[in-house]
Structure formats: C-alpha cells, structure tokens
Amino acid sequence: MAEQKLVLGVAGMPGSGKSLVLKVAKENGYDAVVMGDVVRQEAEKKNLQPNPENIGKIMLELREKEGKDVIAKDASQK
C-alpha cells in the first residue's frame, strides 16, 4: 500500500503568518516546500536583488516561458 501524505498549502499576504506556520510545522517534524524560494533562487542566479519588483518580473517570465505551474514543478523537485 502506498504511503499516505498530508499536503497543506498556505498562502497569504506579507505579514499574515506564513513563516510562523512553516516554523511550527518544521518543529513538529514536517517537511516544507516554500515555492517563493524557487523564484528567489532564480533572482540569485541572475544577480538580481530579491525585491518585490524583481521577484514579480522573474515569476512572470518563468510562467510565460515554462507554463503556469513551473514554480510548483520546480519546488516539488526539491
């Protein structure tokens, strides 16, 4: 029988508590995938500051080139 997994998605505006949820999950032994890390890593590869303007541009470029699910696909490989 295949192992069952619980997948929990958390979204919200800056300051809404996403990082706190991540911290508590990790403290309780859960793995975590932060999809924003994919875009921040791309900014780093391009030697761009990870500010909102650059992150937004990179996110849109990635989605245009590789499809709307590019971030989720890349994050799931981590």
PDB file of N, CA and C in Angstrom:
ATOM      1  N   MET A   1       0.833  -1.178   0.000  1.00  0.00           N
ATOM      2  CA  MET A   1       0.000   0.000   0.000  1.00  0.00           C
ATOM      3  C   MET A   1       0.885   1.251   0.000  1.00  0.00           C
ATOM      4  N   ALA A   2       0.510   2.235  -0.780  1.00  0.00           N
ATOM      5  CA  ALA A   2       1.277   3.471  -0.883  1.00  0.00           C
ATOM      6  C   ALA A   2       1.173   4.272   0.418  1.00  0.00           C
ATOM      7  N   GLU A   3       2.249   4.929   0.748  1.00  0.00           N
ATOM      8  CA  GLU A   3       2.274   5.776   1.933  1.00  0.00           C
ATOM      9  C   GLU A   3       1.348   6.966   1.725  1.00  0.00           C
ATOM     10  N   GLN A   4       0.561   7.276   2.721  1.00  0.00           N
ATOM     11  CA  GLN A   4      -0.312   8.438   2.633  1.00  0.00           C
ATOM     12  C   GLN A   4       0.451   9.667   3.104  1.00  0.00           C
ATOM     13  N   LYS A   5       0.192  10.776   2.429  1.00  0.00           N
ATOM     14  CA  LYS A   5       0.838  12.033   2.794  1.00  0.00           C
ATOM     15  C   LYS A   5      -0.211  13.104   2.987  1.00  0.00           C
ATOM     16  N   LEU A   6       0.054  13.973   3.904  1.00  0.00           N
ATOM     17  CA  LEU A   6      -0.778  15.142   4.121  1.00  0.00           C
ATOM     18  C   LEU A   6      -0.086  16.309   3.426  1.00  0.00           C
ATOM     19  N   VAL A   7      -0.813  16.992   2.575  1.00  0.00           N
ATOM     20  CA  VAL A   7      -0.279  18.167   1.898  1.00  0.00           C
ATOM     21  C   VAL A   7      -1.111  19.360   2.334  1.00  0.00           C
ATOM     22  N   LEU A   8      -0.444  20.361   2.838  1.00  0.00           N
ATOM     23  CA  LEU A   8      -1.106  21.557   3.325  1.00  0.00           C
ATOM     24  C   LEU A   8      -0.539  22.755   2.581  1.00  0.00           C
ATOM     25  N   GLY A   9      -1.387  23.521   1.976  1.00  0.00           N
ATOM     26  CA  GLY A   9      -0.959  24.738   1.279  1.00  0.00           C
ATOM     27  C   GLY A   9      -1.272  25.951   2.130  1.00  0.00           C
ATOM     28  N   VAL A  10      -0.334  26.863   2.198  1.00  0.00           N
ATOM     29  CA  VAL A  10      -0.519  28.086   2.977  1.00  0.00           C
ATOM     30  C   VAL A  10      -0.233  29.264   2.056  1.00  0.00           C
ATOM     31  N   ALA A  11      -1.148  30.182   2.002  1.00  0.00           N
ATOM     32  CA  ALA A  11      -0.974  31.385   1.188  1.00  0.00           C
ATOM     33  C   ALA A  11      -1.438  32.586   2.001  1.00  0.00           C
ATOM     34  N   GLY A  12      -0.925  33.730   1.672  1.00  0.00           N
ATOM     35  CA  GLY A  12      -1.371  34.931   2.373  1.00  0.00           C
ATOM     36  C   GLY A  12      -0.497  36.121   2.032  1.00  0.00           C
ATOM     37  N   MET A  13      -0.976  37.243   2.444  1.00  0.00           N
ATOM     38  CA  MET A  13      -0.261  38.495   2.226  1.00  0.00           C
ATOM     39  C   MET A  13       0.979  38.551   3.117  1.00  0.00           C
ATOM     40  N   PRO A  14       1.942  39.421   2.791  1.00  0.00           N
ATOM     41  CA  PRO A  14       3.101  39.587   3.664  1.00  0.00           C
ATOM     42  C   PRO A  14       2.642  39.930   5.086  1.00  0.00           C
ATOM     43  N   GLY A  15       3.258  39.261   6.053  1.00  0.00           N
ATOM     44  CA  GLY A  15       2.929  39.523   7.453  1.00  0.00           C
ATOM     45  C   GLY A  15       1.727  38.769   7.975  1.00  0.00           C
ATOM     46  N   SER A  16       1.177  37.860   7.173  1.00  0.00           N
ATOM     47  CA  SER A  16      -0.037  37.152   7.586  1.00  0.00           C
ATOM     48  C   SER A  16       0.220  35.917   8.447  1.00  0.00           C
ATOM     49  N   GLY A  17       1.494  35.522   8.597  1.00  0.00           N
ATOM     50  CA  GLY A  17       1.815  34.404   9.468  1.00  0.00           C
ATOM     51  C   GLY A  17       2.301  33.141   8.769  1.00  0.00           C
ATOM     52  N   LYS A  18       2.571  33.222   7.488  1.00  0.00           N
ATOM     53  CA  LYS A  18       3.034  32.034   6.754  1.00  0.00           C
ATOM     54  C   LYS A  18       4.339  31.488   7.343  1.00  0.00           C
ATOM     55  N   SER A  19       5.257  32.369   7.674  1.00  0.00           N
ATOM     56  CA  SER A  19       6.536  31.931   8.239  1.00  0.00           C
ATOM     57  C   SER A  19       6.350  31.262   9.590  1.00  0.00           C
ATOM     58  N   LEU A  20       5.415  31.727  10.376  1.00  0.00           N
ATOM     59  CA  LEU A  20       5.124  31.112  11.670  1.00  0.00           C
ATOM     60  C   LEU A  20       4.578  29.696  11.475  1.00  0.00           C
ATOM     61  N   VAL A  21       3.677  29.519  10.519  1.00  0.00           N
ATOM     62  CA  VAL A  21       3.150  28.186  10.213  1.00  0.00           C
ATOM     63  C   VAL A  21       4.286  27.270   9.785  1.00  0.00           C
ATOM     64  N   LEU A  22       5.179  27.757   8.945  1.00  0.00           N
ATOM     65  CA  LEU A  22       6.331  26.979   8.483  1.00  0.00           C
ATOM     66  C   LEU A  22       7.223  26.576   9.659  1.00  0.00           C
ATOM     67  N   LYS A  23       7.492  27.511  10.549  1.00  0.00           N
ATOM     68  CA  LYS A  23       8.337  27.241  11.712  1.00  0.00           C
ATOM     69  C   LYS A  23       7.730  26.146  12.585  1.00  0.00           C
ATOM     70  N   VAL A  24       6.450  26.263  12.878  1.00  0.00           N
ATOM     71  CA  VAL A  24       5.772  25.278  13.725  1.00  0.00           C
ATOM     72  C   VAL A  24       5.745  23.908  13.044  1.00  0.00           C
ATOM     73  N   ALA A  25       5.501  23.886  11.748  1.00  0.00           N
ATOM     74  CA  ALA A  25       5.478  22.615  11.011  1.00  0.00           C
ATOM     75  C   ALA A  25       6.844  21.933  11.092  1.00  0.00           C
ATOM     76  N   LYS A  26       7.915  22.688  10.853  1.00  0.00           N
ATOM     77  CA  LYS A  26       9.260  22.120  10.914  1.00  0.00           C
ATOM     78  C   LYS A  26       9.593  21.631  12.324  1.00  0.00           C
ATOM     79  N   GLU A  27       9.191  22.397  13.339  1.00  0.00           N
ATOM     80  CA  GLU A  27       9.429  21.995  14.728  1.00  0.00           C
ATOM     81  C   GLU A  27       8.723  20.682  15.064  1.00  0.00           C
ATOM     82  N   ASN A  28       7.667  20.376  14.335  1.00  0.00           N
ATOM     83  CA  ASN A  28       6.902  19.158  14.571  1.00  0.00           C
ATOM     84  C   ASN A  28       7.246  18.046  13.579  1.00  0.00           C
ATOM     85  N   GLY A  29       8.365  18.201  12.886  1.00  0.00           N
ATOM     86  CA  GLY A  29       8.885  17.139  12.038  1.00  0.00           C
ATOM     87  C   GLY A  29       8.342  17.064  10.627  1.00  0.00           C
ATOM     88  N   TYR A  30       7.608  18.068  10.192  1.00  0.00           N
ATOM     89  CA  TYR A  30       7.073  18.063   8.832  1.00  0.00           C
ATOM     90  C   TYR A  30       8.095  18.641   7.851  1.00  0.00           C
ATOM     91  N   ASP A  31       8.100  18.117   6.647  1.00  0.00           N
ATOM     92  CA  ASP A  31       8.897  18.701   5.578  1.00  0.00           C
ATOM     93  C   ASP A  31       8.146  19.899   5.030  1.00  0.00           C
ATOM     94  N   ALA A  32       8.880  20.821   4.442  1.00  0.00           N
ATOM     95  CA  ALA A  32       8.232  22.011   3.896  1.00  0.00           C
ATOM     96  C   ALA A  32       8.854  22.388   2.567  1.00  0.00           C
ATOM     97  N   VAL A  33       8.026  22.829   1.665  1.00  0.00           N
ATOM     98  CA  VAL A  33       8.463  23.355   0.379  1.00  0.00           C
ATOM     99  C   VAL A  33       7.945  24.787   0.312  1.00  0.00           C
ATOM    100  N   VAL A  34       8.857  25.715   0.133  1.00  0.00           N
ATOM    101  CA  VAL A  34       8.488  27.126   0.035  1.00  0.00           C
ATOM    102  C   VAL A  34       8.644  27.530  -1.421  1.00  0.00           C
ATOM    103  N   MET A  35       7.509  27.705  -2.083  1.00  0.00           N
ATOM    104  CA  MET A  35       7.559  27.966  -3.520  1.00  0.00           C
ATOM    105  C   MET A  35       8.257  29.279  -3.851  1.00  0.00           C
ATOM    106  N   GLY A  36       8.184  30.252  -2.958  1.00  0.00           N
ATOM    107  CA  GLY A  36       8.872  31.518  -3.192  1.00  0.00           C
ATOM    108  C   GLY A  36      10.377  31.363  -3.270  1.00  0.00           C
ATOM    109  N   ASP A  37      10.902  30.302  -2.627  1.00  0.00           N
ATOM    110  CA  ASP A  37      12.346  30.061  -2.686  1.00  0.00           C
ATOM    111  C   ASP A  37      12.809  29.794  -4.113  1.00  0.00           C
ATOM    112  N   VAL A  38      11.957  29.180  -4.919  1.00  0.00           N
ATOM    113  CA  VAL A  38      12.303  28.903  -6.322  1.00  0.00           C
ATOM    114  C   VAL A  38      12.575  30.215  -7.058  1.00  0.00           C
ATOM    115  N   VAL A  39      11.722  31.187  -6.858  1.00  0.00           N
ATOM    116  CA  VAL A  39      11.874  32.476  -7.540  1.00  0.00           C
ATOM    117  C   VAL A  39      13.070  33.244  -6.976  1.00  0.00           C
ATOM    118  N   ARG A  40      13.252  33.188  -5.659  1.00  0.00           N
ATOM    119  CA  ARG A  40      14.409  33.868  -5.059  1.00  0.00           C
ATOM    120  C   ARG A  40      15.725  33.262  -5.548  1.00  0.00           C
ATOM    121  N   GLN A  41      15.775  31.948  -5.731  1.00  0.00           N
ATOM    122  CA  GLN A  41      16.983  31.310  -6.261  1.00  0.00           C
ATOM    123  C   GLN A  41      17.248  31.760  -7.700  1.00  0.00           C
ATOM    124  N   GLU A  42      16.189  31.923  -8.462  1.00  0.00           N
ATOM    125  CA  GLU A  42      16.340  32.404  -9.842  1.00  0.00           C
ATOM    126  C   GLU A  42      16.877  33.836  -9.845  1.00  0.00           C
ATOM    127  N   ALA A  43      16.419  34.661  -8.912  1.00  0.00           N
ATOM    128  CA  ALA A  43      16.927  36.030  -8.796  1.00  0.00           C
ATOM    129  C   ALA A  43      18.422  36.003  -8.471  1.00  0.00           C
ATOM    130  N   GLU A  44      18.800  35.098  -7.581  1.00  0.00           N
ATOM    131  CA  GLU A  44      20.211  34.973  -7.220  1.00  0.00           C
ATOM    132  C   GLU A  44      21.056  34.562  -8.428  1.00  0.00           C
ATOM    133  N   LYS A  45      20.554  33.610  -9.222  1.00  0.00           N
ATOM    134  CA  LYS A  45      21.273  33.179 -10.430  1.00  0.00           C
ATOM    135  C   LYS A  45      21.492  34.340 -11.390  1.00  0.00           C
ATOM    136  N   LYS A  46      20.516  35.249 -11.424  1.00  0.00           N
ATOM    137  CA  LYS A  46      20.587  36.388 -12.343  1.00  0.00           C
ATOM    138  C   LYS A  46      21.257  37.600 -11.703  1.00  0.00           C
ATOM    139  N   ASN A  47      21.792  37.438 -10.500  1.00  0.00           N
ATOM    140  CA  ASN A  47      22.431  38.527  -9.753  1.00  0.00           C
ATOM    141  C   ASN A  47      21.512  39.729  -9.569  1.00  0.00           C
ATOM    142  N   LEU A  48      20.247  39.439  -9.262  1.00  0.00           N
ATOM    143  CA  LEU A  48      19.266  40.493  -9.011  1.00  0.00           C
ATOM    144  C   LEU A  48      18.900  40.503  -7.529  1.00  0.00           C
ATOM    145  N   GLN A  49      18.642  41.669  -7.018  1.00  0.00           N
ATOM    146  CA  GLN A  49      18.174  41.782  -5.639  1.00  0.00           C
ATOM    147  C   GLN A  49      16.792  41.130  -5.537  1.00  0.00           C
ATOM    148  N   PRO A  50      16.534  40.388  -4.458  1.00  0.00           N
ATOM    149  CA  PRO A  50      15.222  39.746  -4.317  1.00  0.00           C
ATOM    150  C   PRO A  50      14.165  40.706  -3.778  1.00  0.00           C
ATOM    151  N   ASN A  51      13.994  41.830  -4.463  1.00  0.00           N
ATOM    152  CA  ASN A  51      12.978  42.790  -4.046  1.00  0.00           C
ATOM    153  C   ASN A  51      11.659  42.466  -4.763  1.00  0.00           C
ATOM    154  N   PRO A  52      10.560  43.023  -4.292  1.00  0.00           N
ATOM    155  CA  PRO A  52       9.262  42.688  -4.895  1.00  0.00           C
ATOM    156  C   PRO A  52       9.186  42.902  -6.402  1.00  0.00           C
ATOM    157  N   GLU A  53       9.800  43.961  -6.904  1.00  0.00           N
ATOM    158  CA  GLU A  53       9.754  44.241  -8.349  1.00  0.00           C
ATOM    159  C   GLU A  53      10.461  43.133  -9.142  1.00  0.00           C
ATOM    160  N   ASN A  54      11.672  42.774  -8.728  1.00  0.00           N
ATOM    161  CA  ASN A  54      12.418  41.728  -9.440  1.00  0.00           C
ATOM    162  C   ASN A  54      11.753  40.364  -9.302  1.00  0.00           C
ATOM    163  N   ILE A  55      11.283  40.050  -8.117  1.00  0.00           N
ATOM    164  CA  ILE A  55      10.626  38.753  -7.893  1.00  0.00           C
ATOM    165  C   ILE A  55       9.390  38.643  -8.789  1.00  0.00           C
ATOM    166  N   GLY A  56       8.617  39.715  -8.860  1.00  0.00           N
ATOM    167  CA  GLY A  56       7.429  39.713  -9.712  1.00  0.00           C
ATOM    168  C   GLY A  56       7.768  39.502 -11.182  1.00  0.00           C
ATOM    169  N   LYS A  57       8.801  40.199 -11.655  1.00  0.00           N
ATOM    170  CA  LYS A  57       9.221  40.056 -13.053  1.00  0.00           C
ATOM    171  C   LYS A  57       9.687  38.629 -13.346  1.00  0.00           C
ATOM    172  N   ILE A  58      10.507  38.091 -12.460  1.00  0.00           N
ATOM    173  CA  ILE A  58      11.033  36.740 -12.660  1.00  0.00           C
ATOM    174  C   ILE A  58       9.897  35.726 -12.669  1.00  0.00           C
ATOM    175  N   MET A  59       8.976  35.861 -11.735  1.00  0.00           N
ATOM    176  CA  MET A  59       7.848  34.942 -11.656  1.00  0.00           C
ATOM    177  C   MET A  59       7.050  34.955 -12.962  1.00  0.00           C
ATOM    178  N   LEU A  60       6.771  36.135 -13.471  1.00  0.00           N
ATOM    179  CA  LEU A  60       6.009  36.248 -14.715  1.00  0.00           C
ATOM    180  C   LEU A  60       6.787  35.679 -15.900  1.00  0.00           C
ATOM    181  N   GLU A  61       8.092  35.952 -15.961  1.00  0.00           N
ATOM    182  CA  GLU A  61       8.928  35.410 -17.042  1.00  0.00           C
ATOM    183  C   GLU A  61       8.940  33.887 -17.022  1.00  0.00           C
ATOM    184  N   LEU A  62       9.125  33.312 -15.832  1.00  0.00           N
ATOM    185  CA  LEU A  62       9.155  31.855 -15.716  1.00  0.00           C
ATOM    186  C   LEU A  62       7.833  31.243 -16.166  1.00  0.00           C
ATOM    187  N   ARG A  63       6.741  31.828 -15.732  1.00  0.00           N
ATOM    188  CA  ARG A  63       5.427  31.297 -16.099  1.00  0.00           C
ATOM    189  C   ARG A  63       5.163  31.427 -17.592  1.00  0.00           C
ATOM    190  N   GLU A  64       5.614  32.532 -18.183  1.00  0.00           N
ATOM    191  CA  GLU A  64       5.417  32.727 -19.620  1.00  0.00           C
ATOM    192  C   GLU A  64       6.224  31.708 -20.433  1.00  0.00           C
ATOM    193  N   LYS A  65       7.463  31.473 -20.017  1.00  0.00           N
ATOM    194  CA  LYS A  65       8.354  30.571 -20.752  1.00  0.00           C
ATOM    195  C   LYS A  65       8.009  29.094 -20.535  1.00  0.00           C
ATOM    196  N   GLU A  66       7.637  28.729 -19.287  1.00  0.00           N
ATOM    197  CA  GLU A  66       7.540  27.318 -18.944  1.00  0.00           C
ATOM    198  C   GLU A  66       6.162  26.867 -18.456  1.00  0.00           C
ATOM    199  N   GLY A  67       5.199  27.764 -18.462  1.00  0.00           N
ATOM    200  CA  GLY A  67       3.851  27.393 -18.050  1.00  0.00           C
ATOM    201  C   GLY A  67       3.515  27.867 -16.643  1.00  0.00           C
ATOM    202  N   LYS A  68       2.221  27.939 -16.384  1.00  0.00           N
ATOM    203  CA  LYS A  68       1.748  28.476 -15.110  1.00  0.00           C
ATOM    204  C   LYS A  68       2.149  27.640 -13.906  1.00  0.00           C
ATOM    205  N   ASP A  69       2.454  26.370 -14.108  1.00  0.00           N
ATOM    206  CA  ASP A  69       2.789  25.502 -12.985  1.00  0.00           C
ATOM    207  C   ASP A  69       4.299  25.311 -12.795  1.00  0.00           C
ATOM    208  N   VAL A  70       5.111  26.127 -13.442  1.00  0.00           N
ATOM    209  CA  VAL A  70       6.566  25.974 -13.393  1.00  0.00           C
ATOM    210  C   VAL A  70       7.103  26.046 -11.963  1.00  0.00           C
ATOM    211  N   ILE A  71       6.577  26.937 -11.153  1.00  0.00           N
ATOM    212  CA  ILE A  71       7.083  27.103  -9.790  1.00  0.00           C
ATOM    213  C   ILE A  71       6.774  25.862  -8.956  1.00  0.00           C
ATOM    214  N   ALA A  72       5.564  25.357  -9.063  1.00  0.00           N
ATOM    215  CA  ALA A  72       5.180  24.156  -8.319  1.00  0.00           C
ATOM    216  C   ALA A  72       5.998  22.953  -8.770  1.00  0.00           C
ATOM    217  N   LYS A  73       6.207  22.815 -10.067  1.00  0.00           N
ATOM    218  CA  LYS A  73       7.005  21.687 -10.575  1.00  0.00           C
ATOM    219  C   LYS A  73       8.430  21.759 -10.050  1.00  0.00           C
ATOM    220  N   ASP A  74       9.023  22.942 -10.090  1.00  0.00           N
ATOM    221  CA  ASP A  74      10.398  23.105  -9.631  1.00  0.00           C
ATOM    222  C   ASP A  74      10.481  22.877  -8.119  1.00  0.00           C
ATOM    223  N   ALA A  75       9.539  23.408  -7.385  1.00  0.00           N
ATOM    224  CA  ALA A  75       9.548  23.251  -5.930  1.00  0.00           C
ATOM    225  C   ALA A  75       9.388  21.799  -5.524  1.00  0.00           C
ATOM    226  N   SER A  76       8.624  21.035  -6.283  1.00  0.00           N
ATOM    227  CA  SER A  76       8.391  19.635  -5.936  1.00  0.00           C
ATOM    228  C   SER A  76       9.628  18.775  -6.165  1.00  0.00           C
ATOM    229  N   GLN A  77      10.603  19.292  -6.921  1.00  0.00           N
ATOM    230  CA  GLN A  77      11.843  18.560  -7.176  1.00  0.00           C
ATOM    231  C   GLN A  77      12.839  18.739  -6.041  1.00  0.00           C
ATOM    232  N   LYS A  78      12.559  19.642  -5.144  1.00  0.00           N
ATOM    233  CA  LYS A  78      13.490  19.954  -4.039  1.00  0.00           C
ATOM    234  C   LYS A  78      13.387  18.911  -2.945  1.00  0.00           C
TER     235      LYS A  78
END
